[in-house]
C-alpha atoms as a PDB file:
ATOM      1  CA  MET A   1      -0.351  -0.342   0.110  1.00  0.00           C
ATOM      2  CA  VAL A   2       1.406   3.376  -1.049  1.00  0.00           C
ATOM      3  CA  ILE A   3       0.658   6.368   0.891  1.00  0.00           C
ATOM      4  CA  GLN A   4       0.754   9.507  -1.086  1.00  0.00           C
ATOM      5  CA  ILE A   5       2.028  12.820   1.359  1.00  0.00           C
ATOM      6  CA  SER A   6       1.245  16.176   0.302  1.00  0.00           C
ATOM      7  CA  LYS A   7       4.443  18.072  -0.725  1.00  0.00           C
ATOM      8  CA  GLU A   8       3.226  20.674   2.452  1.00  0.00           C
ATOM      9  CA  THR A   9       3.506  17.717   4.835  1.00  0.00           C
ATOM     10  CA  SER A  10       5.863  15.634   3.592  1.00  0.00           C
ATOM     11  CA  PRO A  11       9.698  15.799   5.269  1.00  0.00           C
ATOM     12  CA  ARG A  12      11.841  18.135   3.306  1.00  0.00           C
ATOM     13  CA  PRO A  13      15.155  19.898   4.423  1.00  0.00           C
ATOM     14  CA  PHE A  14      14.594  22.739   6.914  1.00  0.00           C
ATOM     15  CA  LEU A  15      17.837  24.565   5.893  1.00  0.00           C
ATOM     16  CA  LYS A  16      19.184  25.811   2.728  1.00  0.00           C
ATOM     17  CA  TRP A  17      22.857  24.537   2.323  1.00  0.00           C
ATOM     18  CA  ALA A  18      25.258  25.050  -0.375  1.00  0.00           C
ATOM     19  CA  GLY A  19      25.660  22.536  -2.570  1.00  0.00           C
ATOM     20  CA  GLY A  20      21.811  20.959  -1.716  1.00  0.00           C
ATOM     21  CA  LYS A  21      20.504  17.883  -3.276  1.00  0.00           C
ATOM     22  CA  SER A  22      16.471  18.808  -3.333  1.00  0.00           C
ATOM     23  CA  ARG A  23      16.640  19.767  -7.088  1.00  0.00           C
ATOM     24  CA  LEU A  24      19.067  16.699  -8.120  1.00  0.00           C
ATOM     25  CA  ILE A  25      16.809  14.410  -6.409  1.00  0.00           C
ATOM     26  CA  GLN A  26      14.350  13.175  -9.463  1.00  0.00           C
ATOM     27  CA  GLN A  27      17.831  12.423 -11.334  1.00  0.00           C
ATOM     28  CA  TYR A  28      18.994  10.768  -8.278  1.00  0.00           C
ATOM     29  CA  ILE A  29      16.295   8.370  -7.970  1.00  0.00           C
ATOM     30  CA  PRO A  30      17.216   6.033 -11.290  1.00  0.00           C
ATOM     31  CA  TYR A  31      20.446   5.033  -9.286  1.00  0.00           C
ATOM     32  CA  PHE A  32      19.538   4.318  -5.847  1.00  0.00           C
ATOM     33  CA  PRO A  33      19.880   0.830  -4.680  1.00  0.00           C
ATOM     34  CA  LYS A  34      16.571  -1.353  -4.722  1.00  0.00           C
ATOM     35  CA  SER A  35      16.863  -2.451  -1.414  1.00  0.00           C
ATOM     36  CA  TYR A  36      18.807  -2.004   1.867  1.00  0.00           C
ATOM     37  CA  LYS A  37      18.146  -1.840   5.650  1.00  0.00           C
ATOM     38  CA  ASN A  38      20.214   0.880   7.029  1.00  0.00           C
ATOM     39  CA  TYR A  39      21.298   3.964   5.438  1.00  0.00           C
ATOM     40  CA  TYR A  40      24.259   6.111   6.294  1.00  0.00           C
ATOM     41  CA  GLU A  41      24.671   9.906   5.233  1.00  0.00           C
ATOM     42  CA  PRO A  42      28.250  10.985   6.700  1.00  0.00           C
ATOM     43  CA  PHE A  43      28.357  14.577   4.816  1.00  0.00           C
ATOM     44  CA  LEU A  44      24.885  15.611   6.543  1.00  0.00           C
ATOM     45  CA  GLY A  45      24.123  18.930   4.956  1.00  0.00           C
ATOM     46  CA  GLY A  46      20.974  19.739   4.040  1.00  0.00           C
ATOM     47  CA  GLY A  47      19.703  16.189   4.068  1.00  0.00           C
ATOM     48  CA  ALA A  48      17.734  16.152   0.953  1.00  0.00           C
ATOM     49  CA  VAL A  49      18.753  12.733   0.491  1.00  0.00           C
ATOM     50  CA  PHE A  50      17.564  11.741   3.724  1.00  0.00           C
ATOM     51  CA  PHE A  51      14.201  13.439   3.920  1.00  0.00           C
ATOM     52  CA  TYR A  52      13.451  11.975  -0.083  1.00  0.00           C
ATOM     53  CA  LEU A  53      14.099   8.638   1.229  1.00  0.00           C
ATOM     54  CA  GLN A  54      12.921   8.542   4.640  1.00  0.00           C
ATOM     55  CA  PRO A  55      15.017   5.213   5.686  1.00  0.00           C
ATOM     56  CA  THR A  56      13.415   3.361   8.801  1.00  0.00           C
ATOM     57  CA  THR A  57      16.976   2.823   9.917  1.00  0.00           C
ATOM     58  CA  ALA A  58      19.606   5.799   9.671  1.00  0.00           C
ATOM     59  CA  ILE A  59      22.927   6.967  11.080  1.00  0.00           C
ATOM     60  CA  LEU A  60      23.632  11.006   9.783  1.00  0.00           C
ATOM     61  CA  THR A  61      27.021  12.597  10.807  1.00  0.00           C
ATOM     62  CA  ASP A  62      28.773  15.639   9.965  1.00  0.00           C
ATOM     63  CA  ILE A  63      32.181  17.338  11.361  1.00  0.00           C
ATOM     64  CA  ASN A  64      30.160  20.981  11.934  1.00  0.00           C
ATOM     65  CA  ALA A  65      29.026  20.722  15.547  1.00  0.00           C
ATOM     66  CA  GLU A  66      26.599  23.602  15.341  1.00  0.00           C
ATOM     67  CA  LEU A  67      24.724  21.613  12.284  1.00  0.00           C
ATOM     68  CA  ILE A  68      24.446  18.578  14.251  1.00  0.00           C
ATOM     69  CA  ASN A  69      23.427  20.371  17.621  1.00  0.00           C
ATOM     70  CA  THR A  70      20.405  22.134  15.276  1.00  0.00           C
ATOM     71  CA  TYR A  71      19.611  18.977  13.996  1.00  0.00           C
ATOM     72  CA  CYS A  72      19.447  17.418  17.634  1.00  0.00           C
ATOM     73  CA  CYS A  73      17.077  20.011  18.267  1.00  0.00           C
ATOM     74  CA  VAL A  74      14.810  19.501  15.608  1.00  0.00           C
ATOM     75  CA  ARG A  75      14.553  16.155  16.166  1.00  0.00           C
ATOM     76  CA  ASP A  76      14.093  16.468  20.436  1.00  0.00           C
ATOM     77  CA  ARG A  77      13.124  19.881  21.239  1.00  0.00           C
ATOM     78  CA  VAL A  78      11.020  20.791  18.235  1.00  0.00           C
ATOM     79  CA  ASP A  79       8.508  22.930  20.505  1.00  0.00           C
ATOM     80  CA  GLU A  80      10.879  25.160  22.364  1.00  0.00           C
ATOM     81  CA  LEU A  81      12.793  25.751  19.017  1.00  0.00           C
ATOM     82  CA  ILE A  82       9.889  27.240  17.391  1.00  0.00           C
ATOM     83  CA  ALA A  83       9.374  28.974  20.507  1.00  0.00           C
ATOM     84  CA  LEU A  84      12.517  30.598  19.997  1.00  0.00           C
ATOM     85  CA  LEU A  85      12.311  31.364  15.965  1.00  0.00           C
ATOM     86  CA  LYS A  86       8.998  33.145  16.750  1.00  0.00           C
ATOM     87  CA  GLU A  87      10.660  35.323  18.805  1.00  0.00           C
ATOM     88  CA  HIS A  88      13.636  35.765  16.332  1.00  0.00           C
ATOM     89  CA  LYS A  89      10.784  36.643  13.421  1.00  0.00           C
ATOM     90  CA  ILE A  90       9.321  39.198  15.717  1.00  0.00           C
ATOM     91  CA  GLN A  91      12.804  41.526  16.531  1.00  0.00           C
ATOM     92  CA  HIS A  92      14.484  41.209  12.919  1.00  0.00           C
ATOM     93  CA  ASN A  93      16.182  43.804  11.151  1.00  0.00           C
ATOM     94  CA  LYS A  94      19.190  44.528  10.300  1.00  0.00           C
ATOM     95  CA  ASP A  95      20.667  45.297  13.411  1.00  0.00           C
ATOM     96  CA  TYR A  96      19.250  42.850  15.333  1.00  0.00           C
ATOM     97  CA  TYR A  97      20.764  40.353  12.426  1.00  0.00           C
ATOM     98  CA  TYR A  98      24.487  41.261  12.744  1.00  0.00           C
ATOM     99  CA  SER A  99      23.731  41.114  17.015  1.00  0.00           C
ATOM    100  CA  ILE A 100      23.146  37.470  16.832  1.00  0.00           C
ATOM    101  CA  ARG A 101      25.582  36.936  14.118  1.00  0.00           C
ATOM    102  CA  ASN A 102      28.339  38.128  16.718  1.00  0.00           C
ATOM    103  CA  ASN A 103      26.934  36.550  19.601  1.00  0.00           C
ATOM    104  CA  TYR A 104      28.155  32.677  20.015  1.00  0.00           C
ATOM    105  CA  SER A 105      27.124  32.259  23.548  1.00  0.00           C
ATOM    106  CA  GLY A 106      23.595  30.352  24.805  1.00  0.00           C
ATOM    107  CA  THR A 107      22.161  26.773  25.052  1.00  0.00           C
ATOM    108  CA  ASP A 108      21.954  24.197  22.711  1.00  0.00           C
ATOM    109  CA  ILE A 109      18.390  24.778  21.694  1.00  0.00           C
ATOM    110  CA  GLU A 110      19.510  28.863  21.330  1.00  0.00           C
ATOM    111  CA  LYS A 111      22.771  27.831  19.493  1.00  0.00           C
ATOM    112  CA  ALA A 112      19.955  26.105  17.093  1.00  0.00           C
ATOM    113  CA  ALA A 113      17.749  28.794  16.732  1.00  0.00           C
ATOM    114  CA  ARG A 114      20.243  30.748  16.013  1.00  0.00           C
ATOM    115  CA  LEU A 115      21.611  28.784  13.106  1.00  0.00           C
ATOM    116  CA  ILE A 116      18.091  28.555  11.651  1.00  0.00           C
ATOM    117  CA  TYR A 117      17.706  32.242  12.082  1.00  0.00           C
ATOM    118  CA  LEU A 118      20.696  33.266  10.190  1.00  0.00           C
ATOM    119  CA  ASN A 119      20.417  30.610   7.677  1.00  0.00           C
ATOM    120  CA  LYS A 120      16.932  32.182   6.869  1.00  0.00           C
ATOM    121  CA  THR A 121      18.594  35.875   6.952  1.00  0.00           C
ATOM    122  CA  CYS A 122      21.821  35.836   5.384  1.00  0.00           C
ATOM    123  CA  PHE A 123      22.998  36.580   1.935  1.00  0.00           C
ATOM    124  CA  ASN A 124      21.815  33.632  -0.458  1.00  0.00           C
ATOM    125  CA  GLY A 125      21.182  31.308   2.853  1.00  0.00           C
ATOM    126  CA  LEU A 126      24.643  30.840   2.859  1.00  0.00           C
ATOM    127  CA  TYR A 127      26.770  28.831   5.376  1.00  0.00           C
ATOM    128  CA  ARG A 128      30.388  30.164   5.377  1.00  0.00           C
ATOM    129  CA  VAL A 129      32.679  30.346   8.460  1.00  0.00           C
ATOM    130  CA  ASN A 130      36.038  31.844   8.375  1.00  0.00           C
ATOM    131  CA  SER A 131      39.402  30.629  10.091  1.00  0.00           C
ATOM    132  CA  GLN A 132      38.551  31.153  13.532  1.00  0.00           C
ATOM    133  CA  GLY A 133      35.243  29.203  12.779  1.00  0.00           C
ATOM    134  CA  LYS A 134      32.865  32.091  12.883  1.00  0.00           C
ATOM    135  CA  PHE A 135      29.725  32.793  10.804  1.00  0.00           C
ATOM    136  CA  ASN A 136      30.645  35.574   8.228  1.00  0.00           C
ATOM    137  CA  VAL A 137      27.825  36.031   5.927  1.00  0.00           C
ATOM    138  CA  PRO A 138      26.537  39.786   5.475  1.00  0.00           C
ATOM    139  CA  LEU A 139      22.232  39.952   5.677  1.00  0.00           C
ATOM    140  CA  GLY A 140      20.218  38.830   2.705  1.00  0.00           C
ATOM    141  CA  ARG A 141      17.846  41.466   0.811  1.00  0.00           C
ATOM    142  CA  TYR A 142      14.858  39.665   1.917  1.00  0.00           C
ATOM    143  CA  GLU A 143      11.344  41.352   2.552  1.00  0.00           C
ATOM    144  CA  ASN A 144       9.728  38.653   4.583  1.00  0.00           C
ATOM    145  CA  PRO A 145      11.953  35.979   5.349  1.00  0.00           C
ATOM    146  CA  ASN A 146      10.261  32.618   6.376  1.00  0.00           C
ATOM    147  CA  ILE A 147      12.182  32.281   9.658  1.00  0.00           C
ATOM    148  CA  CYS A 148       9.553  30.074  11.161  1.00  0.00           C
ATOM    149  CA  SER A 149       8.450  27.161   9.115  1.00  0.00           C
ATOM    150  CA  GLU A 150       6.607  25.333  11.835  1.00  0.00           C
ATOM    151  CA  VAL A 151       4.934  22.610   9.849  1.00  0.00           C
ATOM    152  CA  LEU A 152       8.210  21.993   8.047  1.00  0.00           C
ATOM    153  CA  LEU A 153      10.044  21.622  11.545  1.00  0.00           C
ATOM    154  CA  ARG A 154       7.866  19.356  12.718  1.00  0.00           C
ATOM    155  CA  THR A 155       7.497  16.816   9.993  1.00  0.00           C
ATOM    156  CA  ALA A 156      11.595  17.291  10.014  1.00  0.00           C
ATOM    157  CA  SER A 157      11.629  16.428  13.695  1.00  0.00           C
ATOM    158  CA  GLU A 158       8.889  13.304  13.128  1.00  0.00           C
ATOM    159  CA  ALA A 159      11.389  11.726   9.962  1.00  0.00           C
ATOM    160  CA  LEU A 160      14.458  12.620  12.131  1.00  0.00           C
ATOM    161  CA  LYS A 161      13.339  10.762  15.104  1.00  0.00           C
ATOM    162  CA  ARG A 162      14.197   7.406  13.208  1.00  0.00           C
ATOM    163  CA  ALA A 163      17.577   8.552  12.742  1.00  0.00           C
ATOM    164  CA  GLU A 164      20.991   8.041  14.849  1.00  0.00           C
ATOM    165  CA  ILE A 165      22.430  11.816  15.084  1.00  0.00           C
ATOM    166  CA  LYS A 166      25.774  13.016  15.449  1.00  0.00           C
ATOM    167  CA  GLN A 167      29.344  14.415  14.998  1.00  0.00           C
ATOM    168  CA  ALA A 168      32.117  12.757  13.283  1.00  0.00           C
ATOM    169  CA  ASP A 169      34.239  12.567  10.542  1.00  0.00           C
ATOM    170  CA  PHE A 170      33.342  10.693   7.480  1.00  0.00           C
ATOM    171  CA  THR A 171      35.987   8.358   8.279  1.00  0.00           C
ATOM    172  CA  GLU A 172      34.206   7.154  11.244  1.00  0.00           C
ATOM    173  CA  ILE A 173      31.453   5.079   8.820  1.00  0.00           C
ATOM    174  CA  LEU A 174      34.027   2.166   8.508  1.00  0.00           C
ATOM    175  CA  ASN A 175      33.002   1.247  12.187  1.00  0.00           C
ATOM    176  CA  HIS A 176      29.585   1.246  11.276  1.00  0.00           C
ATOM    177  CA  ALA A 177      28.924  -0.174   6.862  1.00  0.00           C
ATOM    178  CA  ASN A 178      29.540  -3.717   7.038  1.00  0.00           C
ATOM    179  CA  SER A 179      27.627  -5.473   4.467  1.00  0.00           C
ATOM    180  CA  SER A 180      25.026  -5.479   1.533  1.00  0.00           C
ATOM    181  CA  ASP A 181      22.177  -4.366   3.907  1.00  0.00           C
ATOM    182  CA  ASP A 182      24.193  -0.592   4.349  1.00  0.00           C
ATOM    183  CA  PHE A 183      23.658   2.132   1.834  1.00  0.00           C
ATOM    184  CA  VAL A 184      26.220   5.134   2.334  1.00  0.00           C
ATOM    185  CA  PHE A 185      25.527   7.929   0.201  1.00  0.00           C
ATOM    186  CA  PHE A 186      28.410  10.570   0.176  1.00  0.00           C
ATOM    187  CA  ASP A 187      27.931  14.450  -0.564  1.00  0.00           C
ATOM    188  CA  PRO A 188      31.509  15.443   0.055  1.00  0.00           C
ATOM    189  CA  PRO A 189      32.467  18.979  -0.828  1.00  0.00           C
ATOM    190  CA  TYR A 190      33.091  19.259  -4.119  1.00  0.00           C
ATOM    191  CA  HIS A 191      36.488  18.478  -5.912  1.00  0.00           C
ATOM    192  CA  PRO A 192      37.038  22.805  -7.488  1.00  0.00           C
ATOM    193  CA  ILE A 193      36.972  22.658 -11.371  1.00  0.00           C
ATOM    194  CA  SER A 194      38.133  26.113 -11.415  1.00  0.00           C
ATOM    195  CA  ASP A 195      40.292  28.480  -9.308  1.00  0.00           C
ATOM    196  CA  THR A 196      37.078  30.622  -8.669  1.00  0.00           C
ATOM    197  CA  SER A 197      35.210  27.180  -7.703  1.00  0.00           C
ATOM    198  CA  TYR A 198      36.952  26.707  -4.807  1.00  0.00           C
ATOM    199  CA  PHE A 199      34.124  26.583  -2.153  1.00  0.00           C
ATOM    200  CA  THR A 200      34.595  24.268   0.658  1.00  0.00           C
ATOM    201  CA  ALA A 201      34.115  26.819   4.067  1.00  0.00           C
ATOM    202  CA  TYR A 202      31.090  24.424   5.517  1.00  0.00           C
ATOM    203  CA  SER A 203      33.177  24.611   8.623  1.00  0.00           C
ATOM    204  CA  GLN A 204      37.200  25.836   9.172  1.00  0.00           C
ATOM    205  CA  ASN A 205      38.708  22.279   7.835  1.00  0.00           C
ATOM    206  CA  CYS A 206      39.142  22.399   3.734  1.00  0.00           C
ATOM    207  CA  PHE A 207      38.550  19.105   1.935  1.00  0.00           C
ATOM    208  CA  SER A 208      42.317  19.041  -0.076  1.00  0.00           C
ATOM    209  CA  LYS A 209      42.891  16.476  -2.683  1.00  0.00           C
ATOM    210  CA  LYS A 210      44.337  14.293   0.043  1.00  0.00           C
ATOM    211  CA  ASP A 211      41.051  13.940   1.918  1.00  0.00           C
ATOM    212  CA  GLN A 212      39.796  13.398  -1.634  1.00  0.00           C
ATOM    213  CA  GLU A 213      41.941  10.323  -2.167  1.00  0.00           C
ATOM    214  CA  ILE A 214      40.838   9.149   1.561  1.00  0.00           C
ATOM    215  CA  LEU A 215      37.421   9.384   0.861  1.00  0.00           C
ATOM    216  CA  ARG A 216      37.534   7.068  -2.405  1.00  0.00           C
ATOM    217  CA  ASP A 217      39.897   4.551  -0.191  1.00  0.00           C
ATOM    218  CA  ILE A 218      37.250   4.130   2.482  1.00  0.00           C
ATOM    219  CA  CYS A 219      34.592   3.764  -0.412  1.00  0.00           C
ATOM    220  CA  ALA A 220      36.896   0.885  -1.793  1.00  0.00           C
ATOM    221  CA  GLU A 221      36.592  -0.681   1.382  1.00  0.00           C
ATOM    222  CA  LEU A 222      33.015  -0.135   1.560  1.00  0.00           C
ATOM    223  CA  ALA A 223      32.772  -1.959  -1.716  1.00  0.00           C
ATOM    224  CA  SER A 224      34.577  -4.772  -0.692  1.00  0.00           C
ATOM    225  CA  ARG A 225      31.735  -5.288   2.152  1.00  0.00           C
ATOM    226  CA  ASP A 226      29.168  -5.286  -0.414  1.00  0.00           C
ATOM    227  CA  VAL A 227      27.975  -2.009   0.887  1.00  0.00           C
ATOM    228  CA  LYS A 228      25.886   0.098  -1.285  1.00  0.00           C
ATOM    229  CA  VAL A 229      28.333   3.239  -1.995  1.00  0.00           C
ATOM    230  CA  ILE A 230      26.801   6.522  -4.062  1.00  0.00           C
ATOM    231  CA  VAL A 231      29.184   9.494  -4.350  1.00  0.00           C
ATOM    232  CA  CYS A 232      28.532  12.995  -5.259  1.00  0.00           C
ATOM    233  CA  ASN A 233      31.062  15.380  -6.947  1.00  0.00           C
ATOM    234  CA  SER A 234      32.003  17.595  -9.224  1.00  0.00           C
ATOM    235  CA  ASP A 235      32.685  16.294 -12.840  1.00  0.00           C
ATOM    236  CA  SER A 236      36.281  16.842 -13.049  1.00  0.00           C
ATOM    237  CA  GLU A 237      39.306  14.695 -14.702  1.00  0.00           C
ATOM    238  CA  PHE A 238      40.858  14.281 -10.928  1.00  0.00           C
ATOM    239  CA  VAL A 239      37.405  12.354  -9.491  1.00  0.00           C
ATOM    240  CA  ARG A 240      37.413  10.594 -12.377  1.00  0.00           C
ATOM    241  CA  ASN A 241      40.440   9.266 -12.339  1.00  0.00           C
ATOM    242  CA  ILE A 242      40.621   8.390  -8.859  1.00  0.00           C
ATOM    243  CA  TYR A 243      37.277   6.184  -8.861  1.00  0.00           C
ATOM    244  CA  ARG A 244      38.048   4.795 -12.245  1.00  0.00           C
ATOM    245  CA  ASP A 245      41.068   3.114 -10.224  1.00  0.00           C
ATOM    246  CA  ILE A 246      38.660   1.137  -7.690  1.00  0.00           C
ATOM    247  CA  ASN A 247      36.126   0.651 -11.276  1.00  0.00           C
ATOM    248  CA  PHE A 248      32.942   2.705  -9.632  1.00  0.00           C
ATOM    249  CA  GLU A 249      30.454   3.603 -12.150  1.00  0.00           C
ATOM    250  CA  THR A 250      30.468   7.026 -13.115  1.00  0.00           C
ATOM    251  CA  TYR A 251      27.399   9.046 -14.349  1.00  0.00           C
ATOM    252  CA  LYS A 252      26.500  12.514 -15.479  1.00  0.00           C
ATOM    253  CA  ILE A 253      23.957  14.648 -13.662  1.00  0.00           C
ATOM    254  CA  LYS A 254      22.743  18.574 -15.024  1.00  0.00           C
ATOM    255  CA  ALA A 255      23.057  20.712 -11.431  1.00  0.00           C
ATOM    256  CA  ALA A 256      22.356  24.897 -11.390  1.00  0.00           C
ATOM    257  CA  ARG A 257      25.339  26.343  -9.830  1.00  0.00           C
ATOM    258  CA  SER A 258      24.851  29.375  -8.074  1.00  0.00           C
ATOM    259  CA  ILE A 259      28.045  29.727  -6.220  1.00  0.00           C
ATOM    260  CA  ASN A 260      30.652  30.888  -7.523  1.00  0.00           C
ATOM    261  CA  SER A 261      32.928  34.633  -7.619  1.00  0.00           C
ATOM    262  CA  ASN A 262      32.510  35.198 -11.216  1.00  0.00           C
ATOM    263  CA  ILE A 263      28.527  35.660 -12.106  1.00  0.00           C
ATOM    264  CA  LYS A 264      29.364  33.980 -15.753  1.00  0.00           C
ATOM    265  CA  ASN A 265      30.238  31.076 -14.405  1.00  0.00           C
ATOM    266  CA  ARG A 266      27.262  30.556 -13.099  1.00  0.00           C
ATOM    267  CA  GLY A 267      24.595  27.926 -14.686  1.00  0.00           C
ATOM    268  CA  VAL A 268      23.924  24.512 -15.392  1.00  0.00           C
ATOM    269  CA  VAL A 269      26.880  22.152 -14.767  1.00  0.00           C
ATOM    270  CA  ASP A 270      27.571  18.631 -15.348  1.00  0.00           C
ATOM    271  CA  GLU A 271      28.144  16.729 -12.013  1.00  0.00           C
ATOM    272  CA  LEU A 272      29.134  13.174 -11.314  1.00  0.00           C
ATOM    273  CA  LEU A 273      26.821  10.446  -9.282  1.00  0.00           C
ATOM    274  CA  ILE A 274      29.815   7.735  -8.590  1.00  0.00           C
ATOM    275  CA  THR A 275      28.787   4.076  -7.560  1.00  0.00           C
ATOM    276  CA  SER A 276      30.338   1.321  -6.304  1.00  0.00           C
ATOM    277  CA  PHE A 277      26.856  -1.026  -7.872  1.00  0.00           C
ATOM    278  CA  LYS A 278      24.431  -1.870 -10.405  1.00  0.00           C
ATOM    279  CA  ASP A 279      21.290  -3.123  -8.861  1.00  0.00           C
ATOM    280  CA  PHE A 280      19.458   0.167  -9.249  1.00  0.00           C
ATOM    281  CA  TYR A 281      15.917   1.113  -8.641  1.00  0.00           C
ATOM    282  CA  LEU A 282      14.270   2.065 -11.574  1.00  0.00           C
ATOM    283  CA  PRO A 283      10.998   3.871 -11.208  1.00  0.00           C
ATOM    284  CA  LYS A 284       7.765   3.099 -12.995  1.00  0.00           C
ATOM    285  CA  GLN A 285       7.376   5.102 -16.012  1.00  0.00           C
END
């Protein structure tokens, strides 16, 4: 029996995140595995794939401590979070934005509300920190930003109750995924395709070529355990070469790029979807 869920009440990302996959889901569907029991997402970000798949068992991780705290608060303390966001909405103006942006104190729930508030009101919904790990995005130009989407937060909270959420480096996936029952979706910071496209500052940690190679080696190890693996990355010679070395399949995906210092380099570009398996789920036409 298939239950139809309306767009308004189905779980969706509650944060706008650079590199988020909401607009690419329809292109990904043919490549998701037919079956699995346990879902893992080590670069959580906006969590679009998790919210679309709605797995019954999931471990969601990210190196960004503020992000993970926010997910935990959405899952466990959504009523308190909504109350704080309503207060932010009432007080929102330019001076208030910068006072909140510069305030790093507070309880876990206050920090979660701060992150969501800044995400909904900052320029382009961009999460970026400087070398000290401090959020430094200016105020966006919004007439009436949707600071507190109560329905969205509550549906996300219900979906997240089925998930274990924790701060962790992506390498820790090797301690969890061990069999063909496991599906791992990797959405790492992309390898740059040009000098102006190098945007990896979601935390103060950069994602280097060496990190990309470590990720590749982890994917190879997971594949040797029969774990189903999907990796997203830029369509670059470097990325193609490192995954060709371990006999993964690569597929082109069309994506809209909106973050680039040169506006001429924004637009539709090719990205790669890289898989360890061919046992795809093929939806009915």
